[in-house]
Amino acid sequence: MTGVQTCALPIWVGWLKLRTDGQALLSPSAPEVIYDEAIRRQFGIEDQLVVLVQSSHPDGVFNPGTVQLVRDLTAEFARMPGIKADSVMSLATEPGFRFRLGTYDVHPLLEPALTNKAALEQLRDDLRRIELYTGTLVSTDGKCTVILIGTPSGADHVRLYQKVSEVIAARRSGREEIAVTGAPVAEALLGIHMLEDLGIPKALLGTSTRGGADQAR
C-alpha cells in the first residue's frame, strides 16, 4: 500500500508529495517490493483500517445497542465511495449456523436484528463454538469488537480517515468508545503531521492532527 499525501503549496514551493508508507524506503525494483506487490495482486490483499468498538455495557458488546451499531457502521462503511463492499468485515458480515427461512442461505451472525437477551446469548454461544472470531473480531472478554475496512491501492488515506471519522461521529451514542487505527491511519496522520511541521496551514490541508484526531489510537 502506498500512502501518498499531496498538497498545493505557495508557487515558490510547487507541489509537495510525501510517501509515508514503509515501501518508500525501498527501491521499486527491489525483489522484496516486487514480490509483495505480486502477492497483493494475486490474492487481493489490502491494508486494513481498523474500527474498534468498546462497550461499557455489563454484557460487553452482547447488547442490542452495540450489536445494532456494528450493523449500521458496517453497512455505511461498505457503501463508502472507493471501498469494495466485500472488503469490509465484521460480526455483521460473517455467517452463523442458521439458514434463511425456506432457503439454503446462511444468516450472518447479526441477522435478523438481535433485540433480546436470548438472541444475544445465542450469539455469544455461536462465537464460542466457531472459535475463529474470538480474539480477532471480538475480544476474549467480550467487551470489544472490530470492523475491518480494506483500503484499495492508491486510496487517499487522509480522505478515507476523514470519511470514516464522519460516519462514526454521526453514530456515536455515548455508551461505546470508538477508535480508528491501522497502517492507513498511521500513514495519513504521519503525513499530515509532517506537513504541519513544515508550516502548512490547516486551511490547505483540510484537517489537523492537533486537537482533532482524538479518535485515532
Protein backbone atom coordinates (compact mmCIF):
# COMPACT_ATOMS: atom_id res chain seq x y z
CA MET A 1 0.00 0.00 0.00
CA THR A 2 1.30 3.42 -0.91
CA GLY A 3 0.39 6.31 1.36
CA VAL A 4 0.85 9.49 -0.68
CA GLN A 5 -0.05 12.92 0.65
CA THR A 6 -0.25 15.70 -1.95
CA CYS A 7 -0.69 19.34 -1.05
CA ALA A 8 -0.85 22.55 -3.09
CA LEU A 9 1.71 24.96 -1.64
CA PRO A 10 2.72 28.53 -2.50
CA ILE A 11 4.11 28.79 -6.01
CA TRP A 12 7.70 29.04 -4.79
CA VAL A 13 7.41 25.59 -3.25
CA GLY A 14 5.43 23.89 -6.02
CA TRP A 15 3.81 20.54 -5.41
CA LEU A 16 4.99 18.54 -2.41
CA LYS A 17 4.38 14.80 -2.30
CA LEU A 18 5.05 12.77 0.80
CA ARG A 19 5.20 9.00 0.88
CA THR A 20 4.74 7.76 4.42
CA ASP A 21 4.48 4.01 3.78
CA GLY A 22 7.30 1.60 4.52
CA GLN A 23 7.91 0.84 0.84
CA ALA A 24 9.04 4.44 0.35
CA LEU A 25 12.30 3.34 1.99
CA LEU A 26 12.94 0.71 -0.70
CA SER A 27 13.64 0.83 -4.40
CA PRO A 28 10.62 -0.05 -6.59
CA SER A 29 12.86 -2.61 -8.29
CA ALA A 30 13.82 -4.36 -5.04
CA PRO A 31 12.89 -8.07 -5.21
CA GLU A 32 11.02 -7.79 -1.91
CA VAL A 33 8.84 -4.96 -3.24
CA ILE A 34 8.09 -6.75 -6.50
CA TYR A 35 7.22 -9.98 -4.66
CA ASP A 36 4.99 -8.14 -2.18
CA GLU A 37 3.07 -6.40 -4.98
CA ALA A 38 2.65 -9.68 -6.86
CA ILE A 39 1.20 -11.40 -3.77
CA ARG A 40 -1.15 -8.48 -3.12
CA ARG A 41 -2.46 -8.58 -6.71
CA GLN A 42 -2.85 -12.35 -6.82
CA PHE A 43 -4.75 -12.66 -3.54
CA GLY A 44 -6.42 -9.23 -3.42
CA ILE A 45 -4.64 -8.28 -0.19
CA GLU A 46 -5.30 -4.76 1.09
CA ASP A 47 -4.06 -2.87 4.11
CA GLN A 48 -6.83 -2.71 6.67
CA LEU A 49 -8.25 0.22 8.55
CA VAL A 50 -9.49 -0.98 11.96
CA VAL A 51 -12.53 0.48 13.72
CA LEU A 52 -12.56 -0.64 17.35
CA VAL A 53 -15.88 -0.56 19.22
CA GLN A 54 -15.63 -0.91 23.01
CA SER A 55 -18.79 -1.17 25.11
CA SER A 56 -19.21 -0.21 28.76
CA HIS A 57 -22.40 -2.29 28.99
CA PRO A 58 -22.32 -5.01 31.70
CA ASP A 59 -22.77 -7.60 28.93
CA GLY A 60 -19.98 -6.09 26.84
CA VAL A 61 -20.75 -5.94 23.13
CA PHE A 62 -23.55 -8.50 23.58
CA ASN A 63 -26.30 -5.94 23.98
CA PRO A 64 -28.87 -4.66 21.43
CA GLY A 65 -27.39 -1.16 21.13
CA THR A 66 -23.82 -2.21 20.37
CA VAL A 67 -24.86 -5.00 18.04
CA GLN A 68 -27.05 -2.60 16.05
CA LEU A 69 -24.24 -0.03 16.00
CA VAL A 70 -21.90 -2.62 14.46
CA ARG A 71 -24.53 -3.48 11.86
CA ASP A 72 -25.12 0.17 10.97
CA LEU A 73 -21.44 1.11 10.79
CA THR A 74 -20.61 -1.96 8.71
CA ALA A 75 -23.35 -1.13 6.21
CA GLU A 76 -22.27 2.50 5.94
CA PHE A 77 -18.59 1.65 5.50
CA ALA A 78 -19.48 -0.84 2.77
CA ARG A 79 -21.31 1.94 0.88
CA MET A 80 -18.44 4.43 1.03
CA PRO A 81 -17.14 5.51 -2.41
CA GLY A 82 -13.97 3.69 -3.40
CA ILE A 83 -14.46 0.89 -0.86
CA LYS A 84 -15.38 -2.58 -2.09
CA ALA A 85 -18.29 -3.91 -0.07
CA ASP A 86 -16.71 -7.36 0.25
CA SER A 87 -13.56 -5.83 1.77
CA VAL A 88 -15.49 -4.73 4.88
CA MET A 89 -15.52 -7.40 7.58
CA SER A 90 -17.20 -7.53 11.00
CA LEU A 91 -19.54 -9.73 13.01
CA ALA A 92 -22.28 -8.30 10.78
CA THR A 93 -20.75 -9.85 7.64
CA GLU A 94 -19.81 -13.31 8.92
CA PRO A 95 -22.03 -16.40 8.57
CA GLY A 96 -23.63 -18.13 11.51
CA PHE A 97 -25.24 -21.56 11.87
CA ARG A 98 -28.84 -20.82 10.84
CA PHE A 99 -30.44 -20.67 7.40
CA ARG A 100 -32.85 -18.12 5.99
CA LEU A 101 -36.39 -19.48 6.05
CA GLY A 102 -37.07 -21.68 3.03
CA THR A 103 -33.55 -21.34 1.59
CA TYR A 104 -30.05 -22.71 1.95
CA ASP A 105 -28.66 -19.19 2.52
CA VAL A 106 -26.94 -18.85 5.88
CA HIS A 107 -27.86 -15.89 8.10
CA PRO A 108 -24.96 -13.58 9.02
CA LEU A 109 -24.22 -13.70 12.75
CA LEU A 110 -26.06 -10.44 13.49
CA GLU A 111 -29.18 -11.18 11.43
CA PRO A 112 -32.01 -10.84 11.99
CA ALA A 113 -31.68 -7.90 14.41
CA LEU A 114 -30.75 -9.22 17.86
CA THR A 115 -33.03 -7.41 20.27
CA ASN A 116 -33.48 -9.73 23.26
CA LYS A 117 -31.21 -11.43 25.78
CA ALA A 118 -31.88 -14.93 24.46
CA ALA A 119 -30.73 -13.98 20.95
CA LEU A 120 -27.65 -12.24 22.29
CA GLU A 121 -26.71 -15.21 24.44
CA GLN A 122 -27.14 -17.38 21.36
CA LEU A 123 -24.69 -15.09 19.54
CA ARG A 124 -22.19 -15.43 22.38
CA ASP A 125 -22.54 -19.22 22.26
CA ASP A 126 -22.21 -19.28 18.46
CA LEU A 127 -18.95 -17.32 18.68
CA ARG A 128 -17.70 -19.69 21.37
CA ARG A 129 -18.44 -22.68 19.15
CA ILE A 130 -16.97 -21.16 15.99
CA GLU A 131 -13.85 -20.01 17.91
CA LEU A 132 -12.35 -18.36 14.81
CA TYR A 133 -13.67 -14.88 15.65
CA THR A 134 -12.71 -14.87 19.34
CA GLY A 135 -9.61 -12.73 19.71
CA THR A 136 -9.95 -11.46 16.13
CA LEU A 137 -13.35 -9.84 15.52
CA VAL A 138 -14.39 -9.90 19.18
CA SER A 139 -12.12 -9.70 22.23
CA THR A 140 -11.78 -12.65 24.57
CA ASP A 141 -13.51 -10.69 27.35
CA GLY A 142 -16.41 -9.77 25.07
CA LYS A 143 -16.05 -6.03 25.67
CA CYS A 144 -14.66 -5.06 22.25
CA THR A 145 -15.32 -5.85 18.63
CA VAL A 146 -13.78 -4.56 15.40
CA ILE A 147 -14.80 -3.63 11.88
CA LEU A 148 -12.07 -4.12 9.27
CA ILE A 149 -12.04 -1.96 6.13
CA GLY A 150 -9.77 -2.94 3.25
CA THR A 151 -8.16 0.12 1.63
CA PRO A 152 -7.62 -0.12 -2.14
CA SER A 153 -4.17 0.51 -3.58
CA GLY A 154 -3.68 4.21 -4.27
CA ALA A 155 -6.52 5.29 -1.97
CA ASP A 156 -6.26 8.73 -0.38
CA HIS A 157 -5.73 7.72 3.24
CA VAL A 158 -6.44 11.18 4.62
CA ARG A 159 -9.83 11.40 2.92
CA LEU A 160 -10.65 7.83 3.90
CA TYR A 161 -9.80 8.53 7.54
CA GLN A 162 -11.88 11.73 7.47
CA LYS A 163 -14.89 9.95 5.94
CA VAL A 164 -14.72 7.06 8.42
CA SER A 165 -14.47 9.57 11.27
CA GLU A 166 -17.54 11.42 9.97
CA VAL A 167 -19.57 8.21 9.80
CA ILE A 168 -18.53 7.35 13.37
CA ALA A 169 -19.33 10.83 14.67
CA ALA A 170 -22.86 10.58 13.27
CA ARG A 171 -23.41 7.25 15.05
CA ARG A 172 -21.91 7.95 18.48
CA SER A 173 -24.30 7.11 21.29
CA GLY A 174 -22.18 7.69 24.41
CA ARG A 175 -22.17 4.09 25.67
CA GLU A 176 -19.50 2.93 23.24
CA GLU A 177 -15.96 4.18 22.73
CA ILE A 178 -14.90 4.04 19.09
CA ALA A 179 -11.29 4.30 17.91
CA VAL A 180 -9.74 4.12 14.45
CA THR A 181 -6.31 2.62 13.83
CA GLY A 182 -4.31 0.60 11.31
CA ALA A 183 -1.50 1.27 8.85
CA PRO A 184 -3.58 3.55 6.57
CA VAL A 185 -4.46 5.79 9.54
CA ALA A 186 -0.87 5.91 10.79
CA GLU A 187 0.37 6.84 7.31
CA ALA A 188 -2.30 9.52 6.90
CA LEU A 189 -1.67 11.15 10.27
CA LEU A 190 2.11 10.98 9.85
CA GLY A 191 1.83 12.79 6.51
CA ILE A 192 -0.45 15.47 7.96
CA HIS A 193 1.83 15.95 10.96
CA MET A 194 4.90 16.35 8.74
CA LEU A 195 3.14 18.98 6.62
CA GLU A 196 2.02 20.80 9.77
CA ASP A 197 5.61 20.84 10.97
CA LEU A 198 6.55 22.46 7.65
CA GLY A 199 4.10 25.24 8.45
CA ILE A 200 1.34 24.28 6.01
CA PRO A 201 -1.92 25.78 7.37
CA LYS A 202 -4.94 23.66 8.18
CA ALA A 203 -6.92 25.56 5.54
CA LEU A 204 -4.76 23.92 2.86
CA LEU A 205 -4.51 20.51 4.50
CA GLY A 206 -8.24 20.21 5.17
CA THR A 207 -7.60 18.58 8.56
CA SER A 208 -5.20 18.64 11.50
CA THR A 209 -3.53 16.26 13.95
CA ARG A 210 -3.58 18.93 16.65
CA GLY A 211 -6.65 18.54 18.80
CA GLY A 212 -8.74 16.95 16.06
CA ALA A 213 -7.53 13.37 15.87
CA ASP A 214 -8.62 12.05 19.22
CA GLN A 215 -10.34 9.12 17.56
CA ALA A 216 -7.11 7.68 16.25
CA ARG A 217 -5.11 5.48 18.58
